[in-house]
Amino acid sequence: MVKVGIIGSTGYVGAELIRLLLNHKKVELSAISSNSFEGRHIENIYGNLKKVLSLKCTAPEEVISSSDVIFTALPHGLSEEIAEKCFQENKVCIDLGADFRLQDENEYSKWYGKAFYKPHIHPLSVYGLPELNRDKIKSSHIIANPGCYPTSIELALMPALKEKLIDTGGIIIDSKSGTTGAGRGLSQTTHFPECNENILPYKINEHRHLPEIQQILSQMAGTCIKVTFVPHLLPVNRGILSTIYCSLNGAQHAEKIYEIYKKYYEKESFVRVLNVGETASIRNVKYSNFCDISLHMQDGNNRLIIVSAIDNMVKGAAGQAIQNMNIVLGFDEKNGLEFIPPAF
């Protein structure tokens, strides 16, 4: 049995990791840590874990020493030293924060206000989007789990960019997320009276996922891509819906684009290309590791509209991290992730 640990276990992402890992038949959750709740039992922090898990939150060093795979769910700037120690001890670190997502240190400094703390280990990391980097992930000891918005956007655009179906200029992305994407910390934006019965665009041109999105889309296309990205906050707990507007490269038939997408993702367990006439929605992916994609074209209009839906806590965070773990360990990618979304 592979032993796994979580550093940063009491935020929303950490709690979701616990929920999913406890359903995995080939790993044992051996240790957890929390800076805010060190010394307390997890079942007394999250009531849903009573009579399920009684682990005590311990120090990060104890998590590393007792685990083969370590998940870090920490604010930016706190995972590099842990990842370095894991690498030195031949252990796997899967970072669900932002420390390893951006390759360019200047870009990271611009968006996060600090330089890389351990720049020498960054070339050792791999961007953990399985559908893009599966082969690289297999042999990596440091995996940068993608952000939630980027996951929904990159999976939606990858076939179109790889097959050069769309003009890489003028891509417009309208994304809407549930409030768990903002984390467990208190803020006015996610205060119930502020977000209930409201849809709020926020951090326009300032969201830290923007450089990550542009970096990966540029890699997919083989050319520099700049996008317009507007995130919104929805009055729901979880889920992301991204609607992406693109111009096609010349005349294209809707059926051809649909077939390209179906073929591109036919062997991917967690990407579902919906039938023509269907529309992706948050409800159909909630609590699951699925990404649903629907394609829409208007007759006489050289525009392609792509809609994608994920659960930001699962495929956008903890589920994708476990998928990456499965790849590294040589397990079936579906292990621990075969959750069926509820119908309502």
Foldseek 3Di string as FASTA:
>chain_A
DFEEEEEALQKLLNVLLVVLVLQFPPYDDDAYAHPVQAQAFVCVRPVVCVVPGGHGHHDPVVRLVVGQEYEYEDEPPPCPVVLVVCVVVVGAYEYQYDLQLDLDQVLCCVQVVDGRPCNVCNVQEDEQPCLVQLVSLQPGRYYYDAALVLNLVCLQCLLCQLVVFFDLPEKEKEKEWEPCSVMDDDDPCLPCVNAPPDKAWDCFVRDPCQVSNQVVSCVSNVHGHHYGYIYIYHHHHWKMKMKMKTFTDPDDDPVVVLVSSCVSCVPPPAEAEDDAPDADDQQQAPPALHKYKYWDDDPPGRMIMIMIMHTCSAVRGSVSSQLSVCSNVVHDSCRSGPDGRDPD
